[in-house]
Amino acid sequence: MKKGRVFSGARPTGKQHIGNYLGAIQNYVKLQQDYDCIYCIVDIHALTTLEDTHMLKANTYDMMLDWLAAGLDPEKSILFVQSHVPEVMELHTLLSMVTPLGWLLRVTTFKEKVKMQPHNVNYGLVGYPVLMTADIVLYKADTVPVGEDQLPHLEIAREIVRRFNNIFGPTFPEPQAKLTNFPMVLGLDGEKKMSKSLDNQIELAASAEETTRRIMAAFTDPARKFRNDPGHPEVCNVYSLHHFYTSLKLDEIAKKCRAAEIGCVECKRMLAENINKALAPFREKRAQLAEKSGYVDEVLADGARRAHAIARETIIEVRGKIGLP
């Protein structure tokens, strides 16, 4: 028997990178074994910060292709695009009627976004947590995989659920966090979290040559100036990536680095070789899926159909609880 229903959504950022995989996608795949899983590409959410939308469709396609190649199974999970189930917008509006504005204005990420885009402080930006809540409870999900940094968002969702249930009677389960305690994956700049917007990523679908080229250009130990200088693996970004792809040789790499038996070039080459080896099956499967004309669209259409069936029942129940004609 399955433990419950999981919901998780991600913005359509296009081709996924190893930070996306290690931090989220591999967990999505594992959860399929024990939960009823619903995974959504949240294109409406993307509009709160995205002013140029011409790449939305292509990014959605590439993202879903990566998810499928990584092991998300449309036979085990519901995979769809947020805007393809318009009931989420209706529920967002209804939930907004019971959500105090003060709750939304205190959200730290809202304040951060205002600083980042002072020229575009739109309603969707402040109402983001309400739409996120609608995403979750529209499908009566009781479990949401999140990192610790996302817990405040989920707590607002829980508060909105409690308020709605108190006013209109028991309707939604309070979503519980399933913490994904995975360390932050640094980008190739060695300073920031791996991110496509910062161009410091290694894409899962990149060719072996492109992966090697990007790794060879990565920043390493800032204190190591020459090949014969002893290294400091504890502050080296390339060494931190070895944790995920060369774990069996970590101690050996650290020892040789500190003794200057290997330099940064050798360390990078070793990392590139291991990442390319690890990603080879993914890349082969992705290429095969890409050759299946219309496959991704079929998966998304079927996912939207299955999601809509759940959403429609929820909306009928919600309208009845509220007393709408």
C-alpha atoms as a PDB file:
ATOM      1  CA  MET A   1       0.000   0.000   0.000  1.00  0.00           C
ATOM      2  CA  LYS A   2       1.260   3.467  -0.903  1.00  0.00           C
ATOM      3  CA  LYS A   3       2.126   5.820   1.975  1.00  0.00           C
ATOM      4  CA  GLY A   4       0.307   8.868   0.610  1.00  0.00           C
ATOM      5  CA  ARG A   5       0.226  11.333  -2.251  1.00  0.00           C
ATOM      6  CA  VAL A   6       3.235  13.455  -3.139  1.00  0.00           C
ATOM      7  CA  PHE A   7       3.080  16.716  -5.066  1.00  0.00           C
ATOM      8  CA  SER A   8       6.057  18.678  -6.301  1.00  0.00           C
ATOM      9  CA  GLY A   9       6.436  21.312  -8.971  1.00  0.00           C
ATOM     10  CA  ALA A  10       9.371  22.970 -10.695  1.00  0.00           C
ATOM     11  CA  ARG A  11       9.648  25.948 -12.995  1.00  0.00           C
ATOM     12  CA  PRO A  12      10.355  25.242 -16.667  1.00  0.00           C
ATOM     13  CA  THR A  13      14.043  26.094 -16.771  1.00  0.00           C
ATOM     14  CA  GLY A  14      14.842  23.917 -19.780  1.00  0.00           C
ATOM     15  CA  LYS A  15      17.615  21.354 -19.803  1.00  0.00           C
ATOM     16  CA  GLN A  16      18.382  20.193 -16.285  1.00  0.00           C
ATOM     17  CA  HIS A  17      21.826  20.220 -14.697  1.00  0.00           C
ATOM     18  CA  ILE A  18      23.508  17.924 -12.212  1.00  0.00           C
ATOM     19  CA  GLY A  19      22.457  20.180  -9.339  1.00  0.00           C
ATOM     20  CA  ASN A  20      18.803  19.667 -10.321  1.00  0.00           C
ATOM     21  CA  TYR A  21      19.331  15.927 -10.513  1.00  0.00           C
ATOM     22  CA  LEU A  22      21.231  15.501  -7.254  1.00  0.00           C
ATOM     23  CA  GLY A  23      19.034  17.902  -5.301  1.00  0.00           C
ATOM     24  CA  ALA A  24      15.575  16.952  -6.582  1.00  0.00           C
ATOM     25  CA  ILE A  25      15.121  14.653  -9.571  1.00  0.00           C
ATOM     26  CA  GLN A  26      16.783  11.566  -8.098  1.00  0.00           C
ATOM     27  CA  ASN A  27      14.527  11.969  -5.072  1.00  0.00           C
ATOM     28  CA  TYR A  28      11.458  12.258  -7.323  1.00  0.00           C
ATOM     29  CA  VAL A  29      12.407   8.943  -8.892  1.00  0.00           C
ATOM     30  CA  LYS A  30      12.818   7.187  -5.521  1.00  0.00           C
ATOM     31  CA  LEU A  31       9.505   8.488  -4.166  1.00  0.00           C
ATOM     32  CA  GLN A  32       7.636   6.780  -7.007  1.00  0.00           C
ATOM     33  CA  GLN A  33       8.191   3.436  -5.297  1.00  0.00           C
ATOM     34  CA  ASP A  34       6.358   4.330  -2.083  1.00  0.00           C
ATOM     35  CA  TYR A  35       3.945   7.164  -2.920  1.00  0.00           C
ATOM     36  CA  ASP A  36       1.343   8.184  -5.454  1.00  0.00           C
ATOM     37  CA  CYS A  37       3.352  10.958  -7.089  1.00  0.00           C
ATOM     38  CA  ILE A  38       2.217  14.007  -9.012  1.00  0.00           C
ATOM     39  CA  TYR A  39       4.995  16.045 -10.614  1.00  0.00           C
ATOM     40  CA  CYS A  40       4.208  19.294 -12.360  1.00  0.00           C
ATOM     41  CA  ILE A  41       6.080  21.823 -14.486  1.00  0.00           C
ATOM     42  CA  VAL A  42       4.749  25.086 -13.069  1.00  0.00           C
ATOM     43  CA  ASP A  43       4.689  27.411 -16.059  1.00  0.00           C
ATOM     44  CA  ILE A  44       2.239  29.885 -14.482  1.00  0.00           C
ATOM     45  CA  HIS A  45       4.589  30.359 -11.539  1.00  0.00           C
ATOM     46  CA  ALA A  46       7.351  31.195 -13.996  1.00  0.00           C
ATOM     47  CA  LEU A  47       5.398  34.212 -15.235  1.00  0.00           C
ATOM     48  CA  THR A  48       5.878  36.022 -11.922  1.00  0.00           C
ATOM     49  CA  THR A  49       9.526  36.673 -12.740  1.00  0.00           C
ATOM     50  CA  LEU A  50       9.719  35.917 -16.458  1.00  0.00           C
ATOM     51  CA  GLU A  51       9.112  38.771 -18.861  1.00  0.00           C
ATOM     52  CA  ASP A  52      10.283  37.053 -22.044  1.00  0.00           C
ATOM     53  CA  THR A  53       8.104  33.980 -22.534  1.00  0.00           C
ATOM     54  CA  HIS A  54       9.132  32.828 -26.018  1.00  0.00           C
ATOM     55  CA  MET A  55      11.197  29.925 -24.608  1.00  0.00           C
ATOM     56  CA  LEU A  56       8.510  28.587 -22.261  1.00  0.00           C
ATOM     57  CA  LYS A  57       7.334  25.820 -24.582  1.00  0.00           C
ATOM     58  CA  ALA A  58      10.827  24.647 -25.543  1.00  0.00           C
ATOM     59  CA  ASN A  59      12.012  24.761 -21.929  1.00  0.00           C
ATOM     60  CA  THR A  60       9.012  22.722 -20.813  1.00  0.00           C
ATOM     61  CA  TYR A  61       9.746  20.073 -23.454  1.00  0.00           C
ATOM     62  CA  ASP A  62      13.444  19.832 -22.552  1.00  0.00           C
ATOM     63  CA  MET A  63      12.710  19.658 -18.843  1.00  0.00           C
ATOM     64  CA  MET A  64      10.174  16.865 -19.186  1.00  0.00           C
ATOM     65  CA  LEU A  65      12.489  14.966 -21.527  1.00  0.00           C
ATOM     66  CA  ASP A  66      15.196  15.128 -18.873  1.00  0.00           C
ATOM     67  CA  TRP A  67      12.780  13.991 -16.168  1.00  0.00           C
ATOM     68  CA  LEU A  68      11.708  11.007 -18.247  1.00  0.00           C
ATOM     69  CA  ALA A  69      15.277  10.049 -19.124  1.00  0.00           C
ATOM     70  CA  ALA A  70      16.231  10.283 -15.448  1.00  0.00           C
ATOM     71  CA  GLY A  71      13.590   7.740 -14.460  1.00  0.00           C
ATOM     72  CA  LEU A  72      10.273   9.491 -13.887  1.00  0.00           C
ATOM     73  CA  ASP A  73       7.727   6.980 -15.116  1.00  0.00           C
ATOM     74  CA  PRO A  74       4.356   8.110 -16.524  1.00  0.00           C
ATOM     75  CA  GLU A  75       2.981   4.685 -15.558  1.00  0.00           C
ATOM     76  CA  LYS A  76       3.837   5.344 -11.896  1.00  0.00           C
ATOM     77  CA  SER A  77       3.430   9.132 -11.652  1.00  0.00           C
ATOM     78  CA  ILE A  78       1.225  11.846 -13.065  1.00  0.00           C
ATOM     79  CA  LEU A  79       3.435  14.175 -15.117  1.00  0.00           C
ATOM     80  CA  PHE A  80       1.898  17.354 -16.522  1.00  0.00           C
ATOM     81  CA  VAL A  81       2.104  21.104 -17.058  1.00  0.00           C
ATOM     82  CA  GLN A  82       0.438  23.412 -14.542  1.00  0.00           C
ATOM     83  CA  SER A  83      -1.482  25.531 -17.061  1.00  0.00           C
ATOM     84  CA  HIS A  84      -2.942  22.439 -18.723  1.00  0.00           C
ATOM     85  CA  VAL A  85      -5.223  21.974 -15.689  1.00  0.00           C
ATOM     86  CA  PRO A  86      -6.942  25.388 -15.378  1.00  0.00           C
ATOM     87  CA  GLU A  87      -8.779  24.410 -12.179  1.00  0.00           C
ATOM     88  CA  VAL A  88      -5.627  25.441 -10.338  1.00  0.00           C
ATOM     89  CA  MET A  89      -6.314  29.072 -11.258  1.00  0.00           C
ATOM     90  CA  GLU A  90      -9.875  28.821  -9.936  1.00  0.00           C
ATOM     91  CA  LEU A  91      -8.719  27.306  -6.661  1.00  0.00           C
ATOM     92  CA  HIS A  92      -5.988  29.945  -6.405  1.00  0.00           C
ATOM     93  CA  THR A  93      -8.654  32.654  -6.615  1.00  0.00           C
ATOM     94  CA  LEU A  94     -10.878  30.986  -4.019  1.00  0.00           C
ATOM     95  CA  LEU A  95      -7.991  30.433  -1.605  1.00  0.00           C
ATOM     96  CA  SER A  96      -6.910  34.053  -2.027  1.00  0.00           C
ATOM     97  CA  MET A  97     -10.233  35.094  -0.465  1.00  0.00           C
ATOM     98  CA  VAL A  98      -9.254  33.545   2.868  1.00  0.00           C
ATOM     99  CA  THR A  99      -5.554  34.484   2.850  1.00  0.00           C
ATOM    100  CA  PRO A 100      -4.634  37.652   4.784  1.00  0.00           C
ATOM    101  CA  LEU A 101      -2.380  39.980   2.810  1.00  0.00           C
ATOM    102  CA  GLY A 102      -0.094  40.304   5.812  1.00  0.00           C
ATOM    103  CA  TRP A 103       0.834  36.635   5.583  1.00  0.00           C
ATOM    104  CA  LEU A 104       2.071  37.121   2.038  1.00  0.00           C
ATOM    105  CA  LEU A 105       3.939  40.379   2.620  1.00  0.00           C
ATOM    106  CA  ARG A 106       6.032  38.826   5.382  1.00  0.00           C
ATOM    107  CA  VAL A 107       7.427  36.076   3.122  1.00  0.00           C
ATOM    108  CA  THR A 108      11.187  36.511   2.932  1.00  0.00           C
ATOM    109  CA  THR A 109      11.438  35.358  -0.673  1.00  0.00           C
ATOM    110  CA  PHE A 110       8.859  37.969  -1.719  1.00  0.00           C
ATOM    111  CA  LYS A 111      11.014  40.708  -0.190  1.00  0.00           C
ATOM    112  CA  GLU A 112      14.050  39.305  -1.984  1.00  0.00           C
ATOM    113  CA  LYS A 113      12.227  39.201  -5.337  1.00  0.00           C
ATOM    114  CA  VAL A 114      11.131  42.819  -4.897  1.00  0.00           C
ATOM    115  CA  LYS A 115      14.775  43.820  -4.535  1.00  0.00           C
ATOM    116  CA  MET A 116      15.734  41.761  -7.578  1.00  0.00           C
ATOM    117  CA  GLN A 117      12.978  43.108  -9.837  1.00  0.00           C
ATOM    118  CA  PRO A 118      11.749  46.446  -8.426  1.00  0.00           C
ATOM    119  CA  HIS A 119      10.373  47.326 -11.869  1.00  0.00           C
ATOM    120  CA  ASN A 120       8.074  44.284 -11.881  1.00  0.00           C
ATOM    121  CA  VAL A 121       6.403  43.821  -8.502  1.00  0.00           C
ATOM    122  CA  ASN A 122       3.278  42.131  -9.819  1.00  0.00           C
ATOM    123  CA  TYR A 123       0.282  40.610  -8.039  1.00  0.00           C
ATOM    124  CA  GLY A 124       1.417  37.116  -8.988  1.00  0.00           C
ATOM    125  CA  LEU A 125       4.675  37.705  -7.132  1.00  0.00           C
ATOM    126  CA  VAL A 126       2.970  38.485  -3.834  1.00  0.00           C
ATOM    127  CA  GLY A 127       0.323  35.804  -4.396  1.00  0.00           C
ATOM    128  CA  TYR A 128       2.874  33.121  -5.234  1.00  0.00           C
ATOM    129  CA  PRO A 129       2.328  31.144  -1.984  1.00  0.00           C
ATOM    130  CA  VAL A 130      -1.430  31.005  -2.625  1.00  0.00           C
ATOM    131  CA  LEU A 131      -0.932  29.516  -6.079  1.00  0.00           C
ATOM    132  CA  MET A 132       1.610  27.110  -4.622  1.00  0.00           C
ATOM    133  CA  THR A 133      -0.971  26.044  -2.037  1.00  0.00           C
ATOM    134  CA  ALA A 134      -3.545  25.551  -4.786  1.00  0.00           C
ATOM    135  CA  ASP A 135      -1.043  23.364  -6.668  1.00  0.00           C
ATOM    136  CA  ILE A 136      -0.712  21.060  -3.683  1.00  0.00           C
ATOM    137  CA  VAL A 137      -4.236  20.841  -2.305  1.00  0.00           C
ATOM    138  CA  LEU A 138      -6.014  20.678  -5.666  1.00  0.00           C
ATOM    139  CA  TYR A 139      -4.780  17.074  -5.799  1.00  0.00           C
ATOM    140  CA  LYS A 140      -5.279  16.426  -2.059  1.00  0.00           C
ATOM    141  CA  ALA A 141      -1.544  15.827  -1.697  1.00  0.00           C
ATOM    142  CA  ASP A 142      -0.431  15.179   1.870  1.00  0.00           C
ATOM    143  CA  THR A 143       3.338  15.083   1.302  1.00  0.00           C
ATOM    144  CA  VAL A 144       5.646  17.662  -0.273  1.00  0.00           C
ATOM    145  CA  PRO A 145       9.383  16.996  -0.748  1.00  0.00           C
ATOM    146  CA  VAL A 146      11.253  20.183   0.173  1.00  0.00           C
ATOM    147  CA  GLY A 147      14.618  21.405   1.339  1.00  0.00           C
ATOM    148  CA  GLU A 148      14.875  23.233   4.655  1.00  0.00           C
ATOM    149  CA  ASP A 149      15.011  26.573   2.845  1.00  0.00           C
ATOM    150  CA  GLN A 150      11.526  25.918   1.464  1.00  0.00           C
ATOM    151  CA  LEU A 151       9.871  25.109   4.778  1.00  0.00           C
ATOM    152  CA  PRO A 152       8.534  28.672   5.286  1.00  0.00           C
ATOM    153  CA  HIS A 153       6.630  28.405   1.989  1.00  0.00           C
ATOM    154  CA  LEU A 154       5.091  25.110   3.005  1.00  0.00           C
ATOM    155  CA  GLU A 155       4.135  26.497   6.403  1.00  0.00           C
ATOM    156  CA  ILE A 156       2.138  29.261   4.715  1.00  0.00           C
ATOM    157  CA  ALA A 157       0.371  26.593   2.677  1.00  0.00           C
ATOM    158  CA  ARG A 158      -0.474  24.790   5.897  1.00  0.00           C
ATOM    159  CA  GLU A 159      -1.811  28.023   7.426  1.00  0.00           C
ATOM    160  CA  ILE A 160      -4.007  28.665   4.388  1.00  0.00           C
ATOM    161  CA  VAL A 161      -5.342  25.096   4.572  1.00  0.00           C
ATOM    162  CA  ARG A 162      -6.104  25.438   8.278  1.00  0.00           C
ATOM    163  CA  ARG A 163      -7.902  28.735   7.728  1.00  0.00           C
ATOM    164  CA  PHE A 164      -9.998  27.360   4.860  1.00  0.00           C
ATOM    165  CA  ASN A 165     -10.883  24.213   6.820  1.00  0.00           C
ATOM    166  CA  ASN A 166     -11.829  26.269   9.892  1.00  0.00           C
ATOM    167  CA  ILE A 167     -14.155  28.500   7.871  1.00  0.00           C
ATOM    168  CA  PHE A 168     -15.748  25.983   5.526  1.00  0.00           C
ATOM    169  CA  GLY A 169     -15.223  22.638   7.224  1.00  0.00           C
ATOM    170  CA  PRO A 170     -12.669  19.840   6.710  1.00  0.00           C
ATOM    171  CA  THR A 171     -11.693  19.847   3.046  1.00  0.00           C
ATOM    172  CA  PHE A 172      -7.939  19.632   2.544  1.00  0.00           C
ATOM    173  CA  PRO A 173      -5.224  17.618   4.317  1.00  0.00           C
ATOM    174  CA  GLU A 174      -2.471  19.718   5.835  1.00  0.00           C
ATOM    175  CA  PRO A 175       0.550  18.990   3.622  1.00  0.00           C
ATOM    176  CA  GLN A 176       3.528  17.575   5.481  1.00  0.00           C
ATOM    177  CA  ALA A 177       7.145  18.234   4.551  1.00  0.00           C
ATOM    178  CA  LYS A 178       9.369  15.375   3.469  1.00  0.00           C
ATOM    179  CA  LEU A 179      12.793  16.872   3.915  1.00  0.00           C
ATOM    180  CA  THR A 180      15.368  16.255   1.216  1.00  0.00           C
ATOM    181  CA  ASN A 181      18.598  16.839   3.076  1.00  0.00           C
ATOM    182  CA  PHE A 182      20.993  17.011   0.166  1.00  0.00           C
ATOM    183  CA  PRO A 183      24.009  19.349   0.298  1.00  0.00           C
ATOM    184  CA  MET A 184      24.015  22.353  -1.992  1.00  0.00           C
ATOM    185  CA  VAL A 185      25.776  21.665  -5.288  1.00  0.00           C
ATOM    186  CA  LEU A 186      28.136  24.501  -6.135  1.00  0.00           C
ATOM    187  CA  GLY A 187      28.428  25.719  -9.683  1.00  0.00           C
ATOM    188  CA  LEU A 188      31.598  25.806 -11.745  1.00  0.00           C
ATOM    189  CA  ASP A 189      32.341  29.298 -10.472  1.00  0.00           C
ATOM    190  CA  GLY A 190      32.957  27.795  -7.038  1.00  0.00           C
ATOM    191  CA  GLU A 191      30.892  30.505  -5.357  1.00  0.00           C
ATOM    192  CA  LYS A 192      27.173  30.193  -6.086  1.00  0.00           C
ATOM    193  CA  LYS A 193      24.685  27.347  -6.212  1.00  0.00           C
ATOM    194  CA  MET A 194      24.678  25.640  -9.611  1.00  0.00           C
ATOM    195  CA  SER A 195      22.263  27.591 -11.772  1.00  0.00           C
ATOM    196  CA  LYS A 196      21.482  27.998 -15.442  1.00  0.00           C
ATOM    197  CA  SER A 197      20.923  31.730 -14.958  1.00  0.00           C
ATOM    198  CA  LEU A 198      24.504  32.062 -13.679  1.00  0.00           C
ATOM    199  CA  ASP A 199      25.891  29.881 -16.482  1.00  0.00           C
ATOM    200  CA  ASN A 200      27.848  27.823 -13.945  1.00  0.00           C
ATOM    201  CA  GLN A 201      26.095  24.517 -14.600  1.00  0.00           C
ATOM    202  CA  ILE A 202      26.847  21.118 -16.090  1.00  0.00           C
ATOM    203  CA  GLU A 203      23.791  20.035 -18.053  1.00  0.00           C
ATOM    204  CA  LEU A 204      22.745  16.408 -17.831  1.00  0.00           C
ATOM    205  CA  ALA A 205      22.195  16.275 -21.583  1.00  0.00           C
ATOM    206  CA  ALA A 206      25.426  17.996 -22.587  1.00  0.00           C
ATOM    207  CA  SER A 207      27.822  16.055 -24.785  1.00  0.00           C
ATOM    208  CA  ALA A 208      30.851  14.457 -23.196  1.00  0.00           C
ATOM    209  CA  GLU A 209      33.024  17.006 -25.002  1.00  0.00           C
ATOM    210  CA  GLU A 210      31.019  19.974 -23.742  1.00  0.00           C
ATOM    211  CA  THR A 211      31.015  18.582 -20.201  1.00  0.00           C
ATOM    212  CA  THR A 212      34.775  18.161 -20.277  1.00  0.00           C
ATOM    213  CA  ARG A 213      35.287  21.641 -21.721  1.00  0.00           C
ATOM    214  CA  ARG A 214      33.216  23.289 -19.010  1.00  0.00           C
ATOM    215  CA  ILE A 215      34.867  21.359 -16.194  1.00  0.00           C
ATOM    216  CA  MET A 216      38.336  22.170 -17.496  1.00  0.00           C
ATOM    217  CA  ALA A 217      37.401  25.863 -17.307  1.00  0.00           C
ATOM    218  CA  ALA A 218      36.034  25.588 -13.752  1.00  0.00           C
ATOM    219  CA  PHE A 219      37.524  27.514 -10.847  1.00  0.00           C
ATOM    220  CA  THR A 220      39.441  25.408  -8.359  1.00  0.00           C
ATOM    221  CA  ASP A 221      41.558  25.996  -5.241  1.00  0.00           C
ATOM    222  CA  PRO A 222      41.942  29.810  -5.052  1.00  0.00           C
ATOM    223  CA  ALA A 223      45.109  29.504  -2.950  1.00  0.00           C
ATOM    224  CA  ARG A 224      46.916  27.195  -5.361  1.00  0.00           C
ATOM    225  CA  LYS A 225      48.901  29.186  -7.902  1.00  0.00           C
ATOM    226  CA  PHE A 226      51.309  26.608  -9.340  1.00  0.00           C
ATOM    227  CA  ARG A 227      51.257  22.886 -10.098  1.00  0.00           C
ATOM    228  CA  ASN A 228      53.777  22.092  -7.355  1.00  0.00           C
ATOM    229  CA  ASP A 229      51.904  24.027  -4.665  1.00  0.00           C
ATOM    230  CA  PRO A 230      50.111  21.848  -2.095  1.00  0.00           C
ATOM    231  CA  GLY A 231      46.371  21.915  -2.650  1.00  0.00           C
ATOM    232  CA  HIS A 232      43.494  22.570  -0.275  1.00  0.00           C
ATOM    233  CA  PRO A 233      40.679  20.201  -1.310  1.00  0.00           C
ATOM    234  CA  GLU A 234      38.380  21.426   1.462  1.00  0.00           C
ATOM    235  CA  VAL A 235      37.993  24.754  -0.380  1.00  0.00           C
ATOM    236  CA  CYS A 236      38.164  23.433  -3.932  1.00  0.00           C
ATOM    237  CA  ASN A 237      34.956  23.408  -5.944  1.00  0.00           C
ATOM    238  CA  VAL A 238      36.088  20.594  -8.236  1.00  0.00           C
ATOM    239  CA  TYR A 239      36.867  18.443  -5.205  1.00  0.00           C
ATOM    240  CA  SER A 240      33.370  19.126  -3.837  1.00  0.00           C
ATOM    241  CA  LEU A 241      31.913  17.713  -7.084  1.00  0.00           C
ATOM    242  CA  HIS A 242      34.082  14.621  -6.694  1.00  0.00           C
ATOM    243  CA  HIS A 243      31.971  13.825  -3.610  1.00  0.00           C
ATOM    244  CA  PHE A 244      29.071  12.954  -5.897  1.00  0.00           C
ATOM    245  CA  TYR A 245      30.887  11.190  -8.731  1.00  0.00           C
ATOM    246  CA  THR A 246      34.195   9.854  -7.393  1.00  0.00           C
ATOM    247  CA  SER A 247      33.259   9.031  -3.807  1.00  0.00           C
ATOM    248  CA  LEU A 248      35.331   5.824  -3.640  1.00  0.00           C
ATOM    249  CA  LYS A 249      38.537   7.732  -4.314  1.00  0.00           C
ATOM    250  CA  LEU A 250      37.870  10.881  -2.270  1.00  0.00           C
ATOM    251  CA  ASP A 251      40.515  10.226   0.363  1.00  0.00           C
ATOM    252  CA  GLU A 252      43.081   9.311  -2.265  1.00  0.00           C
ATOM    253  CA  ILE A 253      42.357  12.466  -4.277  1.00  0.00           C
ATOM    254  CA  ALA A 254      42.569  14.661  -1.187  1.00  0.00           C
ATOM    255  CA  LYS A 255      45.861  13.098  -0.104  1.00  0.00           C
ATOM    256  CA  LYS A 256      47.484  13.488  -3.530  1.00  0.00           C
ATOM    257  CA  CYS A 257      46.154  17.029  -3.855  1.00  0.00           C
ATOM    258  CA  ARG A 258      47.608  18.124  -0.518  1.00  0.00           C
ATOM    259  CA  ALA A 259      50.946  16.519  -1.417  1.00  0.00           C
ATOM    260  CA  ALA A 260      50.927  18.149  -4.875  1.00  0.00           C
ATOM    261  CA  GLU A 261      51.107  14.705  -6.468  1.00  0.00           C
ATOM    262  CA  ILE A 262      48.229  15.745  -8.729  1.00  0.00           C
ATOM    263  CA  GLY A 263      47.388  19.201  -9.987  1.00  0.00           C
ATOM    264  CA  CYS A 264      44.113  20.900 -10.769  1.00  0.00           C
ATOM    265  CA  VAL A 265      44.228  19.799 -14.408  1.00  0.00           C
ATOM    266  CA  GLU A 266      44.466  16.108 -13.452  1.00  0.00           C
ATOM    267  CA  CYS A 267      41.745  16.577 -10.862  1.00  0.00           C
ATOM    268  CA  LYS A 268      39.432  18.148 -13.443  1.00  0.00           C
ATOM    269  CA  ARG A 269      40.102  15.458 -16.023  1.00  0.00           C
ATOM    270  CA  MET A 270      39.283  12.772 -13.485  1.00  0.00           C
ATOM    271  CA  LEU A 271      36.016  14.530 -12.589  1.00  0.00           C
ATOM    272  CA  ALA A 272      35.014  14.977 -16.226  1.00  0.00           C
ATOM    273  CA  GLU A 273      35.684  11.301 -16.946  1.00  0.00           C
ATOM    274  CA  ASN A 274      33.581  10.155 -14.012  1.00  0.00           C
ATOM    275  CA  ILE A 275      30.676  12.513 -14.690  1.00  0.00           C
ATOM    276  CA  ASN A 276      30.571  11.485 -18.334  1.00  0.00           C
ATOM    277  CA  LYS A 277      30.661   7.822 -17.344  1.00  0.00           C
ATOM    278  CA  ALA A 278      27.834   8.305 -14.826  1.00  0.00           C
ATOM    279  CA  LEU A 279      25.657  10.259 -17.268  1.00  0.00           C
ATOM    280  CA  ALA A 280      26.183   8.016 -20.300  1.00  0.00           C
ATOM    281  CA  PRO A 281      23.079   5.844 -19.664  1.00  0.00           C
ATOM    282  CA  PHE A 282      20.927   8.944 -19.105  1.00  0.00           C
ATOM    283  CA  ARG A 283      22.163  10.559 -22.298  1.00  0.00           C
ATOM    284  CA  GLU A 284      21.546   7.408 -24.320  1.00  0.00           C
ATOM    285  CA  LYS A 285      17.998   7.074 -22.993  1.00  0.00           C
ATOM    286  CA  ARG A 286      17.296  10.766 -23.580  1.00  0.00           C
ATOM    287  CA  ALA A 287      18.387  10.488 -27.192  1.00  0.00           C
ATOM    288  CA  GLN A 288      16.128   7.468 -27.680  1.00  0.00           C
ATOM    289  CA  LEU A 289      13.110   9.266 -26.179  1.00  0.00           C
ATOM    290  CA  ALA A 290      13.789  12.365 -28.282  1.00  0.00           C
ATOM    291  CA  GLU A 291      13.592  10.225 -31.424  1.00  0.00           C
ATOM    292  CA  LYS A 292      10.058   9.098 -30.515  1.00  0.00           C
ATOM    293  CA  SER A 293       8.046  11.753 -32.313  1.00  0.00           C
ATOM    294  CA  GLY A 294       5.308  13.229 -30.140  1.00  0.00           C
ATOM    295  CA  TYR A 295       6.179  11.108 -27.109  1.00  0.00           C
ATOM    296  CA  VAL A 296       6.661  13.967 -24.635  1.00  0.00           C
ATOM    297  CA  ASP A 297       3.434  15.621 -25.795  1.00  0.00           C
ATOM    298  CA  GLU A 298       1.585  12.323 -25.307  1.00  0.00           C
ATOM    299  CA  VAL A 299       2.954  11.975 -21.778  1.00  0.00           C
ATOM    300  CA  LEU A 300       1.918  15.526 -20.898  1.00  0.00           C
ATOM    301  CA  ALA A 301      -1.543  15.136 -22.427  1.00  0.00           C
ATOM    302  CA  ASP A 302      -2.176  11.913 -20.510  1.00  0.00           C
ATOM    303  CA  GLY A 303      -0.839  13.483 -17.320  1.00  0.00           C
ATOM    304  CA  ALA A 304      -3.120  16.496 -17.741  1.00  0.00           C
ATOM    305  CA  ARG A 305      -6.111  14.199 -18.294  1.00  0.00           C
ATOM    306  CA  ARG A 306      -5.402  12.238 -15.113  1.00  0.00           C
ATOM    307  CA  ALA A 307      -4.666  15.375 -13.098  1.00  0.00           C
ATOM    308  CA  HIS A 308      -7.832  17.040 -14.382  1.00  0.00           C
ATOM    309  CA  ALA A 309      -9.958  14.132 -13.162  1.00  0.00           C
ATOM    310  CA  ILE A 310      -8.724  14.705  -9.601  1.00  0.00           C
ATOM    311  CA  ALA A 311      -8.871  18.497  -9.880  1.00  0.00           C
ATOM    312  CA  ARG A 312     -12.457  18.535 -11.106  1.00  0.00           C
ATOM    313  CA  GLU A 313     -13.652  16.531  -8.088  1.00  0.00           C
ATOM    314  CA  THR A 314     -11.809  18.869  -5.722  1.00  0.00           C
ATOM    315  CA  ILE A 315     -13.279  21.994  -7.292  1.00  0.00           C
ATOM    316  CA  ILE A 316     -16.818  20.571  -7.096  1.00  0.00           C
ATOM    317  CA  GLU A 317     -16.252  19.826  -3.403  1.00  0.00           C
ATOM    318  CA  VAL A 318     -14.739  23.270  -2.706  1.00  0.00           C
ATOM    319  CA  ARG A 319     -17.544  25.130  -4.461  1.00  0.00           C
ATOM    320  CA  GLY A 320     -20.047  23.112  -2.478  1.00  0.00           C
ATOM    321  CA  LYS A 321     -18.305  23.843   0.842  1.00  0.00           C
ATOM    322  CA  ILE A 322     -18.195  27.559   0.090  1.00  0.00           C
ATOM    323  CA  GLY A 323     -21.801  27.600  -1.088  1.00  0.00           C
ATOM    324  CA  LEU A 324     -21.205  28.797  -4.614  1.00  0.00           C
ATOM    325  CA  PRO A 325     -24.127  28.105  -6.978  1.00  0.00           C
END
